[in-house]
Amino acid sequence: MTIAALPSADQRSAEILSRVRVAFAEKGFDGASMQDLARAAGMSVGNFYRYFPSKSAIVEALIAFDLAETEADFLTVLQTASPITSLRDLMQRRLAERQSRADGQLWAEITAAALRKPEICQAACAMETQIAAYLNRIFAAATGLSEAEITARFPAHAAFAITMFKSAAMLPPQTEQIQVELTALIQRAIDTIMGEILAAKKA
């Protein structure tokens, strides 16, 4: 999902979000005022409020935009000859992107805000539920099992993969070598649970 592929009104919202997400990550949910965010977007506060009436609305929009991007990625994975291999490649690529553009810091802020704000918690939990459903579809495609059987037999595997991916994305600033090694360990843990699912592949 690219900004250019969106309708014009959604393009404008996406452009604003791309500008404010860094300010949100740097200042935090509580530290960033609407004035700070409007300034980051290059807009007057009054005009900014027309798009996003509250900080919670901004976070909900960030979640929705990232979910749309993730769904597009998963649909592409499902169309490949080897969904699990494509999923591994996708996760490695997206993880590197999130770490390089400080998205992990933003998601750490969203995770913390979700503990205090029910509306953010609802949006974040809905996103993870949807991602888990797509992962189960990919696991089903890779094994020949039904989605219902995958969900029944491996209820925690998708949740584990999501948790590990988020943890890797949200690693605090460290020396490059430690971050590389930690990321590799997390990716191996995800590979392990994927291997357990593939072991159930239909003959």
N, C-alpha and C. Protein backbone atom coordinates (compact mmCIF):
# COMPACT_ATOMS: atom_id res chain seq x y z
N MET A 1 0.86 -1.19 0.00
CA MET A 1 0.00 0.00 0.00
C MET A 1 0.89 1.24 0.00
N THR A 2 0.79 2.05 -1.06
CA THR A 2 1.54 3.29 -1.14
C THR A 2 0.58 4.45 -1.07
N ILE A 3 1.11 5.62 -0.68
CA ILE A 3 0.26 6.81 -0.59
C ILE A 3 -0.35 7.13 -1.95
N ALA A 4 0.44 6.94 -3.02
CA ALA A 4 -0.05 7.27 -4.36
C ALA A 4 -1.24 6.40 -4.78
N ALA A 5 -1.36 5.22 -4.16
CA ALA A 5 -2.45 4.31 -4.54
C ALA A 5 -3.76 4.64 -3.83
N LEU A 6 -3.73 5.58 -2.90
CA LEU A 6 -4.92 5.93 -2.14
C LEU A 6 -5.74 7.00 -2.84
N PRO A 7 -7.06 7.08 -2.54
CA PRO A 7 -7.86 8.21 -3.01
C PRO A 7 -7.27 9.51 -2.50
N SER A 8 -7.56 10.62 -3.18
CA SER A 8 -6.91 11.89 -2.87
C SER A 8 -7.09 12.31 -1.41
N ALA A 9 -8.30 12.16 -0.86
CA ALA A 9 -8.53 12.57 0.53
C ALA A 9 -7.70 11.71 1.47
N ASP A 10 -7.63 10.39 1.18
CA ASP A 10 -6.84 9.51 2.01
C ASP A 10 -5.35 9.77 1.82
N GLN A 11 -4.96 10.17 0.62
CA GLN A 11 -3.56 10.52 0.38
C GLN A 11 -3.13 11.65 1.30
N ARG A 12 -3.99 12.66 1.41
CA ARG A 12 -3.65 13.81 2.25
C ARG A 12 -3.50 13.38 3.70
N SER A 13 -4.41 12.55 4.19
CA SER A 13 -4.32 12.07 5.57
C SER A 13 -3.04 11.24 5.77
N ALA A 14 -2.72 10.41 4.77
CA ALA A 14 -1.53 9.58 4.87
C ALA A 14 -0.26 10.43 4.88
N GLU A 15 -0.24 11.49 4.09
CA GLU A 15 0.92 12.39 4.08
C GLU A 15 1.09 13.07 5.43
N ILE A 16 -0.03 13.48 6.04
CA ILE A 16 0.03 14.10 7.36
C ILE A 16 0.56 13.10 8.38
N LEU A 17 0.05 11.86 8.31
CA LEU A 17 0.48 10.84 9.26
C LEU A 17 1.97 10.55 9.13
N SER A 18 2.47 10.53 7.90
CA SER A 18 3.89 10.25 7.70
C SER A 18 4.76 11.33 8.33
N ARG A 19 4.24 12.55 8.40
CA ARG A 19 5.01 13.65 9.00
C ARG A 19 4.93 13.67 10.52
N VAL A 20 3.77 13.28 11.06
CA VAL A 20 3.61 13.38 12.52
C VAL A 20 4.11 12.15 13.25
N ARG A 21 4.28 11.02 12.56
CA ARG A 21 4.64 9.78 13.26
C ARG A 21 6.01 9.91 13.92
N VAL A 22 6.93 10.65 13.31
CA VAL A 22 8.25 10.85 13.91
C VAL A 22 8.14 11.69 15.18
N ALA A 23 7.34 12.75 15.12
CA ALA A 23 7.14 13.60 16.29
C ALA A 23 6.50 12.81 17.42
N PHE A 24 5.55 11.96 17.09
CA PHE A 24 4.90 11.12 18.09
C PHE A 24 5.92 10.18 18.74
N ALA A 25 6.76 9.57 17.91
CA ALA A 25 7.76 8.64 18.42
C ALA A 25 8.77 9.34 19.32
N GLU A 26 9.17 10.55 18.93
CA GLU A 26 10.20 11.26 19.69
C GLU A 26 9.67 11.84 20.99
N LYS A 27 8.45 12.39 20.97
CA LYS A 27 7.92 13.07 22.15
C LYS A 27 7.01 12.20 23.01
N GLY A 28 6.50 11.11 22.42
CA GLY A 28 5.61 10.24 23.16
C GLY A 28 4.17 10.70 23.08
N PHE A 29 3.25 9.80 23.46
CA PHE A 29 1.83 10.11 23.39
C PHE A 29 1.49 11.30 24.28
N ASP A 30 1.98 11.28 25.51
CA ASP A 30 1.67 12.36 26.44
C ASP A 30 2.50 13.61 26.20
N GLY A 31 3.74 13.44 25.72
CA GLY A 31 4.62 14.58 25.54
C GLY A 31 4.32 15.40 24.31
N ALA A 32 3.76 14.79 23.28
CA ALA A 32 3.47 15.50 22.03
C ALA A 32 2.11 16.19 22.14
N SER A 33 2.11 17.50 22.03
CA SER A 33 0.85 18.25 22.04
C SER A 33 0.29 18.30 20.62
N MET A 34 -0.97 18.66 20.50
CA MET A 34 -1.56 18.82 19.17
C MET A 34 -0.84 19.93 18.41
N GLN A 35 -0.34 20.92 19.13
CA GLN A 35 0.44 21.99 18.48
C GLN A 35 1.74 21.44 17.90
N ASP A 36 2.40 20.56 18.67
CA ASP A 36 3.63 19.92 18.18
C ASP A 36 3.36 19.12 16.91
N LEU A 37 2.27 18.37 16.93
CA LEU A 37 1.95 17.51 15.81
C LEU A 37 1.52 18.31 14.58
N ALA A 38 0.77 19.39 14.81
CA ALA A 38 0.38 20.26 13.70
C ALA A 38 1.61 20.90 13.07
N ARG A 39 2.55 21.31 13.93
CA ARG A 39 3.78 21.92 13.43
C ARG A 39 4.57 20.91 12.60
N ALA A 40 4.65 19.66 13.08
CA ALA A 40 5.36 18.62 12.34
C ALA A 40 4.72 18.37 10.98
N ALA A 41 3.39 18.53 10.93
CA ALA A 41 2.67 18.32 9.67
C ALA A 41 2.72 19.54 8.77
N GLY A 42 3.26 20.66 9.28
CA GLY A 42 3.33 21.88 8.49
C GLY A 42 1.98 22.53 8.31
N MET A 43 1.11 22.42 9.34
CA MET A 43 -0.24 22.93 9.24
C MET A 43 -0.56 23.81 10.44
N SER A 44 -1.59 24.63 10.28
CA SER A 44 -2.11 25.37 11.42
C SER A 44 -2.85 24.39 12.32
N VAL A 45 -2.95 24.73 13.61
CA VAL A 45 -3.63 23.84 14.54
C VAL A 45 -5.10 23.66 14.13
N GLY A 46 -5.74 24.75 13.71
CA GLY A 46 -7.14 24.67 13.33
C GLY A 46 -7.36 23.73 12.15
N ASN A 47 -6.50 23.82 11.15
CA ASN A 47 -6.62 22.96 9.98
C ASN A 47 -6.30 21.51 10.34
N PHE A 48 -5.33 21.35 11.23
CA PHE A 48 -4.93 20.01 11.66
C PHE A 48 -6.10 19.29 12.35
N TYR A 49 -6.85 20.05 13.17
CA TYR A 49 -7.99 19.46 13.88
C TYR A 49 -9.08 18.99 12.92
N ARG A 50 -9.12 19.56 11.72
CA ARG A 50 -10.11 19.11 10.74
C ARG A 50 -9.86 17.67 10.32
N TYR A 51 -8.59 17.29 10.31
CA TYR A 51 -8.24 15.91 9.94
C TYR A 51 -8.26 14.98 11.13
N PHE A 52 -7.72 15.44 12.25
CA PHE A 52 -7.59 14.60 13.44
C PHE A 52 -7.99 15.41 14.67
N PRO A 53 -9.17 15.13 15.23
CA PRO A 53 -9.67 15.92 16.35
C PRO A 53 -8.98 15.65 17.68
N SER A 54 -8.17 14.58 17.76
CA SER A 54 -7.51 14.24 19.02
C SER A 54 -6.27 13.41 18.74
N LYS A 55 -5.41 13.29 19.76
CA LYS A 55 -4.24 12.43 19.62
C LYS A 55 -4.65 10.97 19.46
N SER A 56 -5.71 10.58 20.16
CA SER A 56 -6.20 9.21 20.02
C SER A 56 -6.62 8.93 18.58
N ALA A 57 -7.25 9.91 17.94
CA ALA A 57 -7.68 9.74 16.55
C ALA A 57 -6.47 9.56 15.63
N ILE A 58 -5.37 10.25 15.93
CA ILE A 58 -4.15 10.10 15.14
C ILE A 58 -3.60 8.69 15.28
N VAL A 59 -3.54 8.21 16.53
CA VAL A 59 -3.01 6.87 16.76
C VAL A 59 -3.88 5.82 16.07
N GLU A 60 -5.20 5.97 16.17
CA GLU A 60 -6.11 5.04 15.51
C GLU A 60 -5.89 5.06 13.99
N ALA A 61 -5.64 6.24 13.43
CA ALA A 61 -5.38 6.34 11.99
C ALA A 61 -4.04 5.70 11.62
N LEU A 62 -3.03 5.87 12.47
CA LEU A 62 -1.74 5.23 12.24
C LEU A 62 -1.90 3.71 12.24
N ILE A 63 -2.66 3.20 13.18
CA ILE A 63 -2.90 1.76 13.26
C ILE A 63 -3.62 1.28 12.01
N ALA A 64 -4.65 2.01 11.60
CA ALA A 64 -5.43 1.60 10.42
C ALA A 64 -4.56 1.61 9.16
N PHE A 65 -3.71 2.63 9.02
CA PHE A 65 -2.85 2.72 7.83
C PHE A 65 -1.84 1.59 7.81
N ASP A 66 -1.21 1.31 8.97
CA ASP A 66 -0.23 0.23 9.03
C ASP A 66 -0.90 -1.13 8.80
N LEU A 67 -2.14 -1.28 9.29
CA LEU A 67 -2.85 -2.54 9.08
C LEU A 67 -3.14 -2.74 7.59
N ALA A 68 -3.55 -1.67 6.90
CA ALA A 68 -3.82 -1.78 5.47
C ALA A 68 -2.55 -2.18 4.71
N GLU A 69 -1.42 -1.61 5.10
CA GLU A 69 -0.15 -1.96 4.47
C GLU A 69 0.19 -3.43 4.72
N THR A 70 -0.03 -3.87 5.98
CA THR A 70 0.27 -5.25 6.35
C THR A 70 -0.63 -6.23 5.61
N GLU A 71 -1.91 -5.91 5.51
CA GLU A 71 -2.84 -6.77 4.79
C GLU A 71 -2.43 -6.94 3.33
N ALA A 72 -2.00 -5.85 2.70
CA ALA A 72 -1.55 -5.93 1.31
C ALA A 72 -0.33 -6.85 1.19
N ASP A 73 0.58 -6.75 2.17
CA ASP A 73 1.75 -7.63 2.17
C ASP A 73 1.34 -9.10 2.28
N PHE A 74 0.41 -9.39 3.19
CA PHE A 74 0.00 -10.78 3.41
C PHE A 74 -0.73 -11.35 2.19
N LEU A 75 -1.53 -10.54 1.54
CA LEU A 75 -2.22 -11.01 0.34
C LEU A 75 -1.22 -11.37 -0.76
N THR A 76 -0.13 -10.61 -0.83
CA THR A 76 0.93 -10.93 -1.79
C THR A 76 1.60 -12.25 -1.43
N VAL A 77 1.87 -12.44 -0.14
CA VAL A 77 2.48 -13.68 0.34
C VAL A 77 1.61 -14.88 -0.02
N LEU A 78 0.31 -14.75 0.15
CA LEU A 78 -0.62 -15.85 -0.10
C LEU A 78 -0.65 -16.26 -1.58
N GLN A 79 -0.22 -15.38 -2.45
CA GLN A 79 -0.24 -15.67 -3.88
C GLN A 79 1.05 -16.32 -4.37
N THR A 80 2.04 -16.50 -3.48
CA THR A 80 3.32 -17.06 -3.90
C THR A 80 3.29 -18.59 -3.80
N ALA A 81 4.28 -19.23 -4.46
CA ALA A 81 4.35 -20.69 -4.46
C ALA A 81 4.78 -21.24 -3.10
N SER A 82 5.53 -20.45 -2.34
CA SER A 82 6.01 -20.89 -1.02
C SER A 82 5.66 -19.83 0.02
N PRO A 83 4.44 -19.88 0.57
CA PRO A 83 3.99 -18.82 1.49
C PRO A 83 4.87 -18.64 2.71
N ILE A 84 5.36 -19.73 3.30
CA ILE A 84 6.18 -19.61 4.51
C ILE A 84 7.50 -18.92 4.20
N THR A 85 8.15 -19.32 3.10
CA THR A 85 9.40 -18.65 2.70
C THR A 85 9.16 -17.17 2.43
N SER A 86 8.07 -16.88 1.73
CA SER A 86 7.74 -15.48 1.43
C SER A 86 7.44 -14.71 2.72
N LEU A 87 6.77 -15.38 3.67
CA LEU A 87 6.46 -14.72 4.95
C LEU A 87 7.74 -14.41 5.71
N ARG A 88 8.68 -15.36 5.75
CA ARG A 88 9.96 -15.12 6.43
C ARG A 88 10.68 -13.92 5.79
N ASP A 89 10.72 -13.90 4.46
CA ASP A 89 11.39 -12.81 3.75
C ASP A 89 10.72 -11.48 4.06
N LEU A 90 9.38 -11.50 4.07
CA LEU A 90 8.63 -10.28 4.36
C LEU A 90 8.93 -9.78 5.76
N MET A 91 8.92 -10.68 6.74
CA MET A 91 9.14 -10.27 8.13
C MET A 91 10.55 -9.69 8.30
N GLN A 92 11.54 -10.30 7.68
CA GLN A 92 12.90 -9.78 7.77
C GLN A 92 12.99 -8.39 7.14
N ARG A 93 12.36 -8.22 5.98
CA ARG A 93 12.41 -6.93 5.29
C ARG A 93 11.69 -5.85 6.09
N ARG A 94 10.48 -6.16 6.55
CA ARG A 94 9.71 -5.18 7.30
C ARG A 94 10.36 -4.84 8.63
N LEU A 95 10.97 -5.83 9.27
CA LEU A 95 11.63 -5.57 10.54
C LEU A 95 12.80 -4.61 10.36
N ALA A 96 13.58 -4.82 9.31
CA ALA A 96 14.70 -3.93 9.02
C ALA A 96 14.21 -2.51 8.74
N GLU A 97 13.10 -2.41 8.01
CA GLU A 97 12.54 -1.10 7.69
C GLU A 97 12.06 -0.39 8.96
N ARG A 98 11.37 -1.12 9.83
CA ARG A 98 10.83 -0.50 11.05
C ARG A 98 11.95 -0.05 11.98
N GLN A 99 13.01 -0.84 12.06
CA GLN A 99 14.13 -0.46 12.91
C GLN A 99 14.86 0.76 12.34
N SER A 100 14.99 0.80 11.02
CA SER A 100 15.75 1.90 10.41
C SER A 100 15.00 3.22 10.46
N ARG A 101 13.65 3.19 10.44
CA ARG A 101 12.90 4.44 10.45
C ARG A 101 12.26 4.73 11.81
N ALA A 102 12.75 4.03 12.84
CA ALA A 102 12.33 4.28 14.22
C ALA A 102 10.84 4.00 14.46
N ASP A 103 10.26 3.13 13.65
CA ASP A 103 8.87 2.76 13.88
C ASP A 103 8.68 2.01 15.19
N GLY A 104 9.75 1.29 15.59
CA GLY A 104 9.66 0.55 16.85
C GLY A 104 9.37 1.47 18.02
N GLN A 105 10.00 2.64 18.02
CA GLN A 105 9.77 3.61 19.09
C GLN A 105 8.33 4.09 19.08
N LEU A 106 7.78 4.28 17.87
CA LEU A 106 6.39 4.69 17.76
C LEU A 106 5.46 3.61 18.30
N TRP A 107 5.73 2.35 17.94
CA TRP A 107 4.86 1.27 18.40
C TRP A 107 5.01 1.02 19.89
N ALA A 108 6.19 1.32 20.45
CA ALA A 108 6.34 1.24 21.91
C ALA A 108 5.43 2.26 22.57
N GLU A 109 5.34 3.45 21.98
CA GLU A 109 4.46 4.49 22.52
C GLU A 109 2.99 4.08 22.38
N ILE A 110 2.64 3.50 21.25
CA ILE A 110 1.26 3.08 21.04
C ILE A 110 0.90 1.96 22.02
N THR A 111 1.83 1.03 22.24
CA THR A 111 1.58 -0.06 23.18
C THR A 111 1.37 0.48 24.58
N ALA A 112 2.18 1.45 24.98
CA ALA A 112 2.02 2.05 26.31
C ALA A 112 0.70 2.82 26.41
N ALA A 113 0.35 3.55 25.35
CA ALA A 113 -0.90 4.32 25.36
C ALA A 113 -2.10 3.39 25.41
N ALA A 114 -1.98 2.21 24.79
CA ALA A 114 -3.10 1.26 24.77
C ALA A 114 -3.44 0.76 26.17
N LEU A 115 -2.46 0.79 27.07
CA LEU A 115 -2.71 0.36 28.45
C LEU A 115 -3.55 1.37 29.21
N ARG A 116 -3.58 2.62 28.72
CA ARG A 116 -4.29 3.69 29.43
C ARG A 116 -5.53 4.17 28.70
N LYS A 117 -5.57 3.97 27.39
CA LYS A 117 -6.66 4.52 26.58
C LYS A 117 -7.46 3.38 25.95
N PRO A 118 -8.70 3.14 26.40
CA PRO A 118 -9.49 2.02 25.87
C PRO A 118 -9.66 2.05 24.36
N GLU A 119 -9.83 3.26 23.78
CA GLU A 119 -10.06 3.33 22.34
C GLU A 119 -8.82 2.91 21.56
N ILE A 120 -7.64 3.25 22.10
CA ILE A 120 -6.40 2.84 21.44
C ILE A 120 -6.18 1.34 21.62
N CYS A 121 -6.48 0.85 22.81
CA CYS A 121 -6.37 -0.58 23.08
C CYS A 121 -7.26 -1.38 22.12
N GLN A 122 -8.46 -0.89 21.90
CA GLN A 122 -9.39 -1.57 21.00
C GLN A 122 -8.84 -1.63 19.58
N ALA A 123 -8.29 -0.51 19.11
CA ALA A 123 -7.75 -0.46 17.75
C ALA A 123 -6.51 -1.34 17.62
N ALA A 124 -5.64 -1.29 18.62
CA ALA A 124 -4.41 -2.09 18.57
C ALA A 124 -4.72 -3.58 18.65
N CYS A 125 -5.65 -3.94 19.52
CA CYS A 125 -6.03 -5.36 19.65
C CYS A 125 -6.71 -5.86 18.38
N ALA A 126 -7.54 -5.02 17.76
CA ALA A 126 -8.20 -5.41 16.52
C ALA A 126 -7.16 -5.64 15.42
N MET A 127 -6.12 -4.81 15.40
CA MET A 127 -5.06 -4.99 14.41
C MET A 127 -4.35 -6.33 14.61
N GLU A 128 -4.00 -6.64 15.86
CA GLU A 128 -3.29 -7.90 16.12
C GLU A 128 -4.17 -9.11 15.81
N THR A 129 -5.47 -8.99 16.09
CA THR A 129 -6.39 -10.08 15.77
C THR A 129 -6.44 -10.32 14.27
N GLN A 130 -6.47 -9.22 13.48
CA GLN A 130 -6.51 -9.34 12.03
C GLN A 130 -5.21 -9.92 11.49
N ILE A 131 -4.09 -9.48 12.05
CA ILE A 131 -2.80 -10.01 11.60
C ILE A 131 -2.70 -11.50 11.92
N ALA A 132 -3.16 -11.90 13.11
CA ALA A 132 -3.14 -13.32 13.49
C ALA A 132 -3.98 -14.14 12.51
N ALA A 133 -5.13 -13.59 12.10
CA ALA A 133 -5.99 -14.31 11.15
C ALA A 133 -5.28 -14.50 9.81
N TYR A 134 -4.54 -13.48 9.36
CA TYR A 134 -3.80 -13.62 8.11
C TYR A 134 -2.66 -14.63 8.25
N LEU A 135 -1.98 -14.60 9.39
CA LEU A 135 -0.92 -15.58 9.61
C LEU A 135 -1.48 -17.00 9.56
N ASN A 136 -2.64 -17.20 10.17
CA ASN A 136 -3.26 -18.52 10.15
C ASN A 136 -3.64 -18.93 8.73
N ARG A 137 -4.06 -17.96 7.91
CA ARG A 137 -4.35 -18.27 6.50
C ARG A 137 -3.09 -18.71 5.78
N ILE A 138 -1.97 -18.03 6.07
CA ILE A 138 -0.70 -18.39 5.45
C ILE A 138 -0.26 -19.77 5.91
N PHE A 139 -0.39 -20.05 7.22
CA PHE A 139 -0.02 -21.37 7.74
C PHE A 139 -0.89 -22.45 7.11
N ALA A 140 -2.17 -22.16 6.92
CA ALA A 140 -3.08 -23.12 6.30
C ALA A 140 -2.66 -23.39 4.85
N ALA A 141 -2.31 -22.31 4.13
CA ALA A 141 -1.89 -22.47 2.73
C ALA A 141 -0.61 -23.28 2.63
N ALA A 142 0.28 -23.14 3.61
CA ALA A 142 1.56 -23.83 3.57
C ALA A 142 1.45 -25.30 3.97
N THR A 143 0.46 -25.64 4.79
CA THR A 143 0.35 -27.00 5.31
C THR A 143 -0.73 -27.84 4.63
N GLY A 144 -1.68 -27.18 3.99
CA GLY A 144 -2.81 -27.90 3.41
C GLY A 144 -3.91 -28.16 4.43
N LEU A 145 -3.71 -27.71 5.66
CA LEU A 145 -4.74 -27.83 6.68
C LEU A 145 -5.73 -26.68 6.53
N SER A 146 -6.91 -26.82 7.10
CA SER A 146 -7.88 -25.74 7.06
C SER A 146 -7.50 -24.66 8.06
N GLU A 147 -7.98 -23.45 7.83
CA GLU A 147 -7.72 -22.37 8.79
C GLU A 147 -8.29 -22.71 10.16
N ALA A 148 -9.44 -23.36 10.19
CA ALA A 148 -10.05 -23.74 11.46
C ALA A 148 -9.16 -24.72 12.21
N GLU A 149 -8.56 -25.67 11.48
CA GLU A 149 -7.68 -26.65 12.12
C GLU A 149 -6.40 -26.00 12.61
N ILE A 150 -5.85 -25.10 11.82
CA ILE A 150 -4.65 -24.37 12.24
C ILE A 150 -4.93 -23.59 13.52
N THR A 151 -6.06 -22.88 13.54
CA THR A 151 -6.42 -22.07 14.70
C THR A 151 -6.63 -22.93 15.94
N ALA A 152 -7.23 -24.11 15.75
CA ALA A 152 -7.49 -25.00 16.87
C ALA A 152 -6.22 -25.67 17.40
N ARG A 153 -5.32 -26.04 16.49
CA ARG A 153 -4.12 -26.79 16.89
C ARG A 153 -2.98 -25.88 17.34
N PHE A 154 -2.93 -24.67 16.79
CA PHE A 154 -1.81 -23.77 17.09
C PHE A 154 -2.32 -22.39 17.51
N PRO A 155 -3.13 -22.32 18.57
CA PRO A 155 -3.76 -21.04 18.91
C PRO A 155 -2.78 -19.95 19.35
N ALA A 156 -1.61 -20.36 19.87
CA ALA A 156 -0.67 -19.36 20.39
C ALA A 156 0.45 -19.02 19.41
N HIS A 157 0.58 -19.79 18.33
CA HIS A 157 1.74 -19.60 17.46
C HIS A 157 1.74 -18.26 16.75
N ALA A 158 0.58 -17.87 16.21
CA ALA A 158 0.51 -16.57 15.54
C ALA A 158 0.75 -15.44 16.52
N ALA A 159 0.17 -15.58 17.73
CA ALA A 159 0.37 -14.55 18.76
C ALA A 159 1.84 -14.45 19.15
N PHE A 160 2.52 -15.59 19.22
CA PHE A 160 3.94 -15.59 19.56
C PHE A 160 4.75 -14.87 18.48
N ALA A 161 4.45 -15.17 17.21
CA ALA A 161 5.16 -14.53 16.12
C ALA A 161 4.96 -13.01 16.15
N ILE A 162 3.74 -12.57 16.42
CA ILE A 162 3.45 -11.14 16.51
C ILE A 162 4.21 -10.51 17.66
N THR A 163 4.20 -11.17 18.81
CA THR A 163 4.90 -10.65 19.99
C THR A 163 6.39 -10.52 19.75
N MET A 164 6.97 -11.54 19.14
CA MET A 164 8.41 -11.52 18.87
C MET A 164 8.76 -10.44 17.85
N PHE A 165 7.93 -10.30 16.82
CA PHE A 165 8.19 -9.28 15.81
C PHE A 165 8.14 -7.89 16.45
N LYS A 166 7.11 -7.64 17.26
CA LYS A 166 7.00 -6.34 17.94
C LYS A 166 8.19 -6.10 18.85
N SER A 167 8.62 -7.14 19.56
CA SER A 167 9.76 -7.00 20.47
C SER A 167 11.02 -6.62 19.70
N ALA A 168 11.24 -7.26 18.55
CA ALA A 168 12.42 -6.95 17.75
C ALA A 168 12.35 -5.53 17.22
N ALA A 169 11.15 -5.10 16.80
CA ALA A 169 10.99 -3.75 16.26
C ALA A 169 11.21 -2.70 17.33
N MET A 170 10.88 -3.04 18.59
CA MET A 170 10.93 -2.06 19.67
C MET A 170 12.21 -2.15 20.51
N LEU A 171 13.23 -2.84 19.98
CA LEU A 171 14.49 -2.93 20.72
C LEU A 171 15.03 -1.53 21.00
N PRO A 172 15.45 -1.26 22.24
CA PRO A 172 16.00 0.07 22.54
C PRO A 172 17.33 0.28 21.84
N PRO A 173 17.74 1.55 21.68
CA PRO A 173 19.02 1.82 21.02
C PRO A 173 20.17 1.12 21.75
N GLN A 174 20.96 0.38 21.01
CA GLN A 174 22.10 -0.33 21.57
C GLN A 174 23.20 -0.31 20.54
N THR A 175 24.32 -0.95 20.89
CA THR A 175 25.36 -1.05 19.88
C THR A 175 24.82 -1.88 18.72
N GLU A 176 25.28 -1.59 17.55
CA GLU A 176 24.75 -2.24 16.36
C GLU A 176 24.89 -3.75 16.44
N GLN A 177 26.02 -4.23 16.95
CA GLN A 177 26.25 -5.67 16.97
C GLN A 177 25.24 -6.38 17.87
N ILE A 178 24.95 -5.80 19.05
CA ILE A 178 23.98 -6.42 19.95
C ILE A 178 22.61 -6.45 19.31
N GLN A 179 22.22 -5.37 18.66
CA GLN A 179 20.91 -5.32 18.01
C GLN A 179 20.82 -6.36 16.90
N VAL A 180 21.88 -6.50 16.12
CA VAL A 180 21.90 -7.49 15.05
C VAL A 180 21.73 -8.89 15.63
N GLU A 181 22.45 -9.19 16.71
CA GLU A 181 22.39 -10.53 17.30
C GLU A 181 21.03 -10.79 17.95
N LEU A 182 20.48 -9.79 18.63
CA LEU A 182 19.16 -9.95 19.24
C LEU A 182 18.09 -10.17 18.19
N THR A 183 18.17 -9.40 17.11
CA THR A 183 17.21 -9.56 16.03
C THR A 183 17.30 -10.95 15.43
N ALA A 184 18.52 -11.44 15.25
CA ALA A 184 18.72 -12.78 14.69
C ALA A 184 18.14 -13.84 15.62
N LEU A 185 18.31 -13.68 16.93
CA LEU A 185 17.76 -14.63 17.89
C LEU A 185 16.22 -14.66 17.82
N ILE A 186 15.64 -13.48 17.73
CA ILE A 186 14.18 -13.38 17.64
C ILE A 186 13.67 -14.01 16.35
N GLN A 187 14.39 -13.76 15.25
CA GLN A 187 13.98 -14.36 13.98
C GLN A 187 14.09 -15.88 14.03
N ARG A 188 15.10 -16.40 14.72
CA ARG A 188 15.23 -17.85 14.85
C ARG A 188 14.09 -18.42 15.68
N ALA A 189 13.67 -17.69 16.71
CA ALA A 189 12.54 -18.14 17.53
C ALA A 189 11.27 -18.21 16.69
N ILE A 190 11.06 -17.20 15.83
CA ILE A 190 9.90 -17.21 14.93
C ILE A 190 10.00 -18.38 13.96
N ASP A 191 11.21 -18.64 13.42
CA ASP A 191 11.40 -19.77 12.52
C ASP A 191 11.06 -21.09 13.21
N THR A 192 11.38 -21.18 14.50
CA THR A 192 11.11 -22.41 15.24
C THR A 192 9.62 -22.70 15.30
N ILE A 193 8.82 -21.68 15.62
CA ILE A 193 7.38 -21.93 15.75
C ILE A 193 6.76 -22.17 14.36
N MET A 194 7.31 -21.55 13.33
CA MET A 194 6.84 -21.84 11.98
C MET A 194 7.17 -23.27 11.59
N GLY A 195 8.35 -23.73 12.02
CA GLY A 195 8.74 -25.11 11.74
C GLY A 195 7.80 -26.11 12.41
N GLU A 196 7.34 -25.77 13.61
CA GLU A 196 6.41 -26.66 14.31
C GLU A 196 5.10 -26.79 13.51
N ILE A 197 4.67 -25.69 12.93
CA ILE A 197 3.43 -25.72 12.13
C ILE A 197 3.65 -26.52 10.85
N LEU A 198 4.78 -26.29 10.19
CA LEU A 198 5.07 -27.01 8.95
C LEU A 198 5.20 -28.52 9.17
N ALA A 199 5.60 -28.90 10.39
CA ALA A 199 5.72 -30.33 10.71
C ALA A 199 4.36 -31.02 10.67
N ALA A 200 3.28 -30.24 10.75
CA ALA A 200 1.92 -30.80 10.72
C ALA A 200 1.38 -30.85 9.30
N LYS A 201 2.24 -30.57 8.32
CA LYS A 201 1.79 -30.50 6.92
C LYS A 201 1.13 -31.81 6.49
N LYS A 202 0.04 -31.66 5.76
CA LYS A 202 -0.66 -32.84 5.26
C LYS A 202 0.21 -33.64 4.30
N ALA A 203 0.13 -34.93 4.42
CA ALA A 203 0.91 -35.80 3.51
C ALA A 203 0.30 -35.76 2.11
